[in-house]
């Protein structure tokens, strides 16, 4: 089963005191998952805290791949999956490529151009 890692919303960044934030790339993915709950139920969704190190992510894809959102393939990707740098396991760290993979691998509708 594929796993999506997202940043928990409502975090604070010490560089911007007194402000709460959300990751807009993660919020986009959250919205798609919420819009199609039956399809989202076929994925593992993990929400992690904003500060690094993100140990749960590092344990799977390595310290250099902590950027979120992140889609980690539960099985070998199809040859046409655009996952950038493949490792074990394979993953996608680009929001647009994640959206395409949600369509290709999991049957989510296409985003309107």
N, C-alpha and C. Protein backbone atom coordinates (compact mmCIF):
# COMPACT_ATOMS: atom_id res chain seq x y z
N UNK A 1 0.86 -1.19 0.00
CA UNK A 1 0.00 0.00 0.00
C UNK A 1 0.90 1.24 0.00
N UNK A 2 0.56 2.22 -0.84
CA UNK A 2 1.33 3.46 -0.89
C UNK A 2 1.06 4.31 0.36
N UNK A 3 2.08 5.07 0.75
CA UNK A 3 1.98 5.94 1.93
C UNK A 3 2.25 7.38 1.52
N UNK A 4 1.40 8.29 1.98
CA UNK A 4 1.62 9.73 1.78
C UNK A 4 1.99 10.34 3.12
N UNK A 5 3.09 11.06 3.14
CA UNK A 5 3.51 11.82 4.31
C UNK A 5 3.16 13.28 4.09
N UNK A 6 2.50 13.88 5.08
CA UNK A 6 2.11 15.28 5.03
C UNK A 6 2.52 15.97 6.32
N UNK A 7 2.74 17.27 6.24
CA UNK A 7 3.06 18.06 7.44
C UNK A 7 1.75 18.38 8.17
N UNK A 8 1.73 18.15 9.48
CA UNK A 8 0.56 18.53 10.29
C UNK A 8 0.40 20.05 10.21
N UNK A 9 -0.82 20.53 9.94
CA UNK A 9 -1.03 21.97 9.86
C UNK A 9 -1.01 22.62 11.24
N UNK A 10 -0.81 23.94 11.23
CA UNK A 10 -0.83 24.70 12.47
C UNK A 10 0.51 24.71 13.19
N UNK A 11 1.60 24.63 12.43
CA UNK A 11 2.93 24.63 13.05
C UNK A 11 3.48 26.06 13.14
N UNK A 12 4.49 26.21 13.97
CA UNK A 12 5.16 27.50 14.10
C UNK A 12 6.59 27.37 13.61
N UNK A 13 7.08 28.44 13.01
CA UNK A 13 8.45 28.53 12.52
C UNK A 13 9.15 29.60 13.35
N UNK A 14 10.22 29.24 14.06
CA UNK A 14 10.91 30.22 14.91
C UNK A 14 11.40 31.45 14.14
N UNK A 15 11.57 31.33 12.84
CA UNK A 15 12.00 32.49 12.04
C UNK A 15 10.88 33.52 11.87
N UNK A 16 9.64 33.13 12.18
CA UNK A 16 8.48 34.01 12.07
C UNK A 16 7.66 33.90 13.35
N UNK A 17 8.16 34.47 14.45
CA UNK A 17 7.50 34.32 15.75
C UNK A 17 6.06 34.82 15.75
N UNK A 18 5.22 34.09 16.49
CA UNK A 18 3.83 34.49 16.69
C UNK A 18 2.90 34.15 15.54
N UNK A 19 3.37 33.43 14.55
CA UNK A 19 2.52 33.07 13.42
C UNK A 19 2.37 31.56 13.33
N UNK A 20 1.17 31.13 12.99
CA UNK A 20 0.91 29.72 12.71
C UNK A 20 0.91 29.52 11.20
N UNK A 21 1.35 28.34 10.77
CA UNK A 21 1.49 28.07 9.34
C UNK A 21 0.88 26.72 8.97
N UNK A 22 0.69 26.55 7.66
CA UNK A 22 0.40 25.25 7.07
C UNK A 22 1.25 25.15 5.81
N UNK A 23 1.54 23.95 5.40
CA UNK A 23 2.24 23.70 4.15
C UNK A 23 1.19 23.68 3.05
N UNK A 24 1.26 24.61 2.12
CA UNK A 24 0.20 24.68 1.11
C UNK A 24 0.24 23.50 0.15
N UNK A 25 1.40 22.92 -0.10
CA UNK A 25 1.46 21.72 -0.94
C UNK A 25 0.75 20.57 -0.24
N UNK A 26 0.97 20.44 1.07
CA UNK A 26 0.30 19.39 1.84
C UNK A 26 -1.20 19.65 1.93
N UNK A 27 -1.59 20.92 2.09
CA UNK A 27 -3.01 21.26 2.17
C UNK A 27 -3.72 20.91 0.86
N UNK A 28 -3.05 21.09 -0.26
CA UNK A 28 -3.61 20.70 -1.55
C UNK A 28 -3.89 19.20 -1.57
N UNK A 29 -2.91 18.41 -1.16
CA UNK A 29 -3.08 16.95 -1.13
C UNK A 29 -4.18 16.57 -0.13
N UNK A 30 -4.20 17.23 1.04
CA UNK A 30 -5.25 16.96 2.04
C UNK A 30 -6.64 17.19 1.45
N UNK A 31 -6.78 18.26 0.67
CA UNK A 31 -8.06 18.57 0.06
C UNK A 31 -8.50 17.50 -0.93
N UNK A 32 -7.56 17.00 -1.71
CA UNK A 32 -7.87 15.93 -2.68
C UNK A 32 -8.28 14.66 -1.93
N UNK A 33 -7.53 14.32 -0.88
CA UNK A 33 -7.87 13.13 -0.10
C UNK A 33 -9.25 13.25 0.53
N UNK A 34 -9.55 14.43 1.06
CA UNK A 34 -10.86 14.65 1.70
C UNK A 34 -11.99 14.64 0.68
N UNK A 35 -11.71 15.06 -0.55
CA UNK A 35 -12.74 15.10 -1.59
C UNK A 35 -13.11 13.73 -2.12
N UNK A 36 -12.20 12.77 -1.99
CA UNK A 36 -12.42 11.43 -2.50
C UNK A 36 -12.07 10.39 -1.43
N UNK A 37 -12.87 10.35 -0.34
CA UNK A 37 -12.52 9.51 0.80
C UNK A 37 -12.43 8.02 0.48
N UNK A 38 -13.23 7.54 -0.46
CA UNK A 38 -13.17 6.11 -0.80
C UNK A 38 -11.82 5.75 -1.43
N UNK A 39 -11.30 6.65 -2.26
CA UNK A 39 -9.99 6.41 -2.86
C UNK A 39 -8.87 6.61 -1.84
N UNK A 40 -9.03 7.64 -1.00
CA UNK A 40 -8.02 7.92 0.03
C UNK A 40 -7.89 6.77 1.01
N UNK A 41 -8.97 6.03 1.22
CA UNK A 41 -8.94 4.90 2.16
C UNK A 41 -8.00 3.80 1.70
N UNK A 42 -7.60 3.83 0.45
CA UNK A 42 -6.69 2.82 -0.09
C UNK A 42 -5.22 3.22 0.06
N UNK A 43 -4.99 4.33 0.74
CA UNK A 43 -3.64 4.83 1.00
C UNK A 43 -3.39 4.89 2.50
N UNK A 44 -2.14 4.84 2.88
CA UNK A 44 -1.77 5.12 4.27
C UNK A 44 -1.38 6.59 4.29
N UNK A 45 -2.00 7.37 5.16
CA UNK A 45 -1.70 8.80 5.27
C UNK A 45 -1.08 9.04 6.64
N UNK A 46 0.13 9.58 6.63
CA UNK A 46 0.82 9.88 7.89
C UNK A 46 1.11 11.37 7.93
N UNK A 47 0.70 11.98 9.04
CA UNK A 47 0.94 13.40 9.24
C UNK A 47 2.04 13.56 10.28
N UNK A 48 3.08 14.28 9.91
CA UNK A 48 4.24 14.41 10.78
C UNK A 48 4.45 15.88 11.16
N UNK A 49 5.14 16.08 12.25
CA UNK A 49 5.43 17.42 12.71
C UNK A 49 6.36 18.14 11.74
N UNK A 50 6.25 19.46 11.70
CA UNK A 50 7.03 20.27 10.78
C UNK A 50 8.54 20.26 11.07
N UNK A 51 8.97 20.41 12.31
CA UNK A 51 10.42 20.53 12.52
C UNK A 51 11.19 19.29 12.06
N UNK A 52 12.36 19.55 11.58
CA UNK A 52 13.28 18.46 11.23
C UNK A 52 14.18 18.21 12.41
N UNK A 53 14.68 17.03 12.57
CA UNK A 53 14.57 15.89 11.66
C UNK A 53 13.21 15.22 11.78
N UNK A 54 12.74 14.74 10.65
CA UNK A 54 11.47 14.01 10.58
C UNK A 54 11.80 12.52 10.56
N UNK A 55 12.01 12.00 11.75
CA UNK A 55 12.54 10.65 11.93
C UNK A 55 11.74 9.59 11.19
N UNK A 56 10.42 9.67 11.25
CA UNK A 56 9.59 8.67 10.60
C UNK A 56 9.82 8.64 9.08
N UNK A 57 10.07 9.80 8.51
CA UNK A 57 10.36 9.89 7.08
C UNK A 57 11.78 9.40 6.79
N UNK A 58 12.73 9.85 7.61
CA UNK A 58 14.14 9.46 7.45
C UNK A 58 14.29 7.94 7.49
N UNK A 59 13.56 7.30 8.39
CA UNK A 59 13.66 5.84 8.53
C UNK A 59 13.29 5.10 7.24
N UNK A 60 12.49 5.73 6.39
CA UNK A 60 12.03 5.07 5.16
C UNK A 60 12.82 5.51 3.94
N UNK A 61 13.08 6.82 3.79
CA UNK A 61 13.69 7.31 2.55
C UNK A 61 15.02 8.04 2.74
N UNK A 62 15.50 8.13 3.96
CA UNK A 62 16.79 8.75 4.21
C UNK A 62 16.70 10.22 4.57
N UNK A 63 17.72 10.69 5.25
CA UNK A 63 17.75 12.05 5.78
C UNK A 63 17.65 13.13 4.70
N UNK A 64 18.17 12.85 3.53
CA UNK A 64 18.18 13.84 2.45
C UNK A 64 16.82 13.99 1.77
N UNK A 65 15.83 13.21 2.16
CA UNK A 65 14.52 13.22 1.51
C UNK A 65 13.38 13.55 2.47
N UNK A 66 13.56 14.58 3.29
CA UNK A 66 12.57 14.93 4.31
C UNK A 66 11.52 15.92 3.81
N UNK A 67 11.65 16.44 2.60
CA UNK A 67 10.68 17.40 2.09
C UNK A 67 9.32 16.74 1.93
N UNK A 68 8.29 17.47 2.31
CA UNK A 68 6.93 16.95 2.22
C UNK A 68 6.08 17.91 1.40
N UNK A 69 5.05 17.40 0.73
CA UNK A 69 4.50 16.05 0.78
C UNK A 69 5.42 15.04 0.11
N UNK A 70 5.20 13.79 0.46
CA UNK A 70 6.02 12.69 -0.05
C UNK A 70 5.11 11.48 -0.24
N UNK A 71 5.19 10.87 -1.41
CA UNK A 71 4.45 9.65 -1.68
C UNK A 71 5.46 8.52 -1.79
N UNK A 72 5.33 7.53 -0.93
CA UNK A 72 6.23 6.37 -0.92
C UNK A 72 5.45 5.18 -1.45
N UNK A 73 6.01 4.55 -2.48
CA UNK A 73 5.35 3.41 -3.09
C UNK A 73 5.45 2.19 -2.19
N UNK A 74 4.32 1.52 -2.01
CA UNK A 74 4.29 0.31 -1.22
C UNK A 74 4.74 -0.90 -2.02
N UNK A 75 4.69 -0.80 -3.33
CA UNK A 75 5.14 -1.87 -4.23
C UNK A 75 5.97 -1.21 -5.32
N UNK A 76 6.64 -2.00 -6.11
CA UNK A 76 7.46 -1.44 -7.17
C UNK A 76 6.63 -0.52 -8.06
N UNK A 77 7.17 0.63 -8.41
CA UNK A 77 6.43 1.53 -9.30
C UNK A 77 6.36 0.97 -10.71
N UNK A 78 5.33 1.38 -11.43
CA UNK A 78 5.24 1.01 -12.83
C UNK A 78 6.36 1.75 -13.58
N UNK A 79 6.81 1.24 -14.69
CA UNK A 79 7.91 1.87 -15.42
C UNK A 79 7.66 3.32 -15.80
N UNK A 80 6.39 3.75 -15.97
CA UNK A 80 6.13 5.11 -16.39
C UNK A 80 5.97 6.08 -15.22
N UNK A 81 6.09 5.63 -13.97
CA UNK A 81 6.01 6.53 -12.82
C UNK A 81 7.19 7.47 -12.83
N UNK A 82 6.91 8.75 -12.64
CA UNK A 82 7.96 9.75 -12.57
C UNK A 82 8.26 10.00 -11.09
N UNK A 83 9.27 9.35 -10.60
CA UNK A 83 9.55 9.47 -9.17
C UNK A 83 10.88 10.14 -8.89
N UNK A 84 11.48 10.77 -9.89
CA UNK A 84 12.76 11.42 -9.63
C UNK A 84 13.80 10.37 -9.31
N UNK A 85 14.44 10.56 -8.20
CA UNK A 85 15.51 9.65 -7.78
C UNK A 85 14.90 8.42 -7.15
N UNK A 86 15.09 7.29 -7.77
CA UNK A 86 14.54 6.05 -7.23
C UNK A 86 15.49 5.46 -6.20
N UNK A 87 14.93 4.99 -5.15
CA UNK A 87 15.71 4.30 -4.12
C UNK A 87 14.81 3.18 -3.61
N UNK A 88 15.24 2.52 -2.59
CA UNK A 88 14.41 1.47 -2.02
C UNK A 88 13.87 1.98 -0.69
N UNK A 89 12.64 2.25 -0.53
CA UNK A 89 11.59 2.15 -1.53
C UNK A 89 11.57 3.36 -2.46
N UNK A 90 10.84 3.26 -3.55
CA UNK A 90 10.69 4.35 -4.50
C UNK A 90 9.71 5.38 -3.93
N UNK A 91 9.89 6.63 -4.34
CA UNK A 91 9.05 7.69 -3.81
C UNK A 91 8.97 8.86 -4.79
N UNK A 92 8.01 9.74 -4.52
CA UNK A 92 7.84 10.99 -5.26
C UNK A 92 7.79 12.11 -4.23
N UNK A 93 8.58 13.17 -4.47
CA UNK A 93 8.61 14.30 -3.55
C UNK A 93 8.13 15.60 -4.21
N UNK A 94 7.52 15.52 -5.37
CA UNK A 94 7.04 16.70 -6.09
C UNK A 94 5.51 16.68 -6.09
N UNK A 95 4.89 17.78 -5.67
CA UNK A 95 3.42 17.80 -5.53
C UNK A 95 2.71 17.47 -6.82
N UNK A 96 3.17 18.01 -7.95
CA UNK A 96 2.51 17.74 -9.22
C UNK A 96 2.65 16.28 -9.63
N UNK A 97 3.82 15.71 -9.41
CA UNK A 97 4.03 14.29 -9.71
C UNK A 97 3.21 13.41 -8.77
N UNK A 98 3.03 13.85 -7.51
CA UNK A 98 2.18 13.10 -6.57
C UNK A 98 0.74 13.11 -7.07
N UNK A 99 0.25 14.27 -7.51
CA UNK A 99 -1.11 14.34 -8.04
C UNK A 99 -1.28 13.41 -9.23
N UNK A 100 -0.29 13.37 -10.12
CA UNK A 100 -0.36 12.48 -11.28
C UNK A 100 -0.36 11.02 -10.84
N UNK A 101 0.46 10.69 -9.85
CA UNK A 101 0.51 9.31 -9.35
C UNK A 101 -0.81 8.92 -8.69
N UNK A 102 -1.46 9.87 -8.01
CA UNK A 102 -2.75 9.56 -7.41
C UNK A 102 -3.77 9.21 -8.50
N UNK A 103 -3.68 9.88 -9.63
CA UNK A 103 -4.55 9.55 -10.75
C UNK A 103 -4.16 8.21 -11.37
N UNK A 104 -2.89 8.08 -11.70
CA UNK A 104 -2.42 6.88 -12.42
C UNK A 104 -2.49 5.61 -11.58
N UNK A 105 -2.09 5.71 -10.32
CA UNK A 105 -1.98 4.52 -9.48
C UNK A 105 -3.24 4.20 -8.69
N UNK A 106 -4.04 5.26 -8.40
CA UNK A 106 -5.14 5.07 -7.45
C UNK A 106 -6.50 5.51 -7.96
N UNK A 107 -6.58 5.96 -9.19
CA UNK A 107 -7.87 6.26 -9.78
C UNK A 107 -8.49 7.60 -9.40
N UNK A 108 -7.72 8.50 -8.76
CA UNK A 108 -8.26 9.82 -8.47
C UNK A 108 -8.50 10.54 -9.80
N UNK A 109 -9.50 11.42 -9.86
CA UNK A 109 -9.73 12.16 -11.10
C UNK A 109 -8.53 13.04 -11.46
N UNK A 110 -8.51 13.44 -12.71
CA UNK A 110 -7.45 14.33 -13.19
C UNK A 110 -7.73 15.76 -12.73
N UNK A 111 -6.68 16.53 -12.40
CA UNK A 111 -6.92 17.95 -12.13
C UNK A 111 -7.30 18.65 -13.43
N UNK A 112 -8.21 19.56 -13.36
CA UNK A 112 -8.62 20.30 -14.55
C UNK A 112 -7.50 21.26 -14.96
N UNK A 113 -7.19 21.31 -16.25
CA UNK A 113 -6.08 22.20 -16.69
C UNK A 113 -6.37 23.68 -16.51
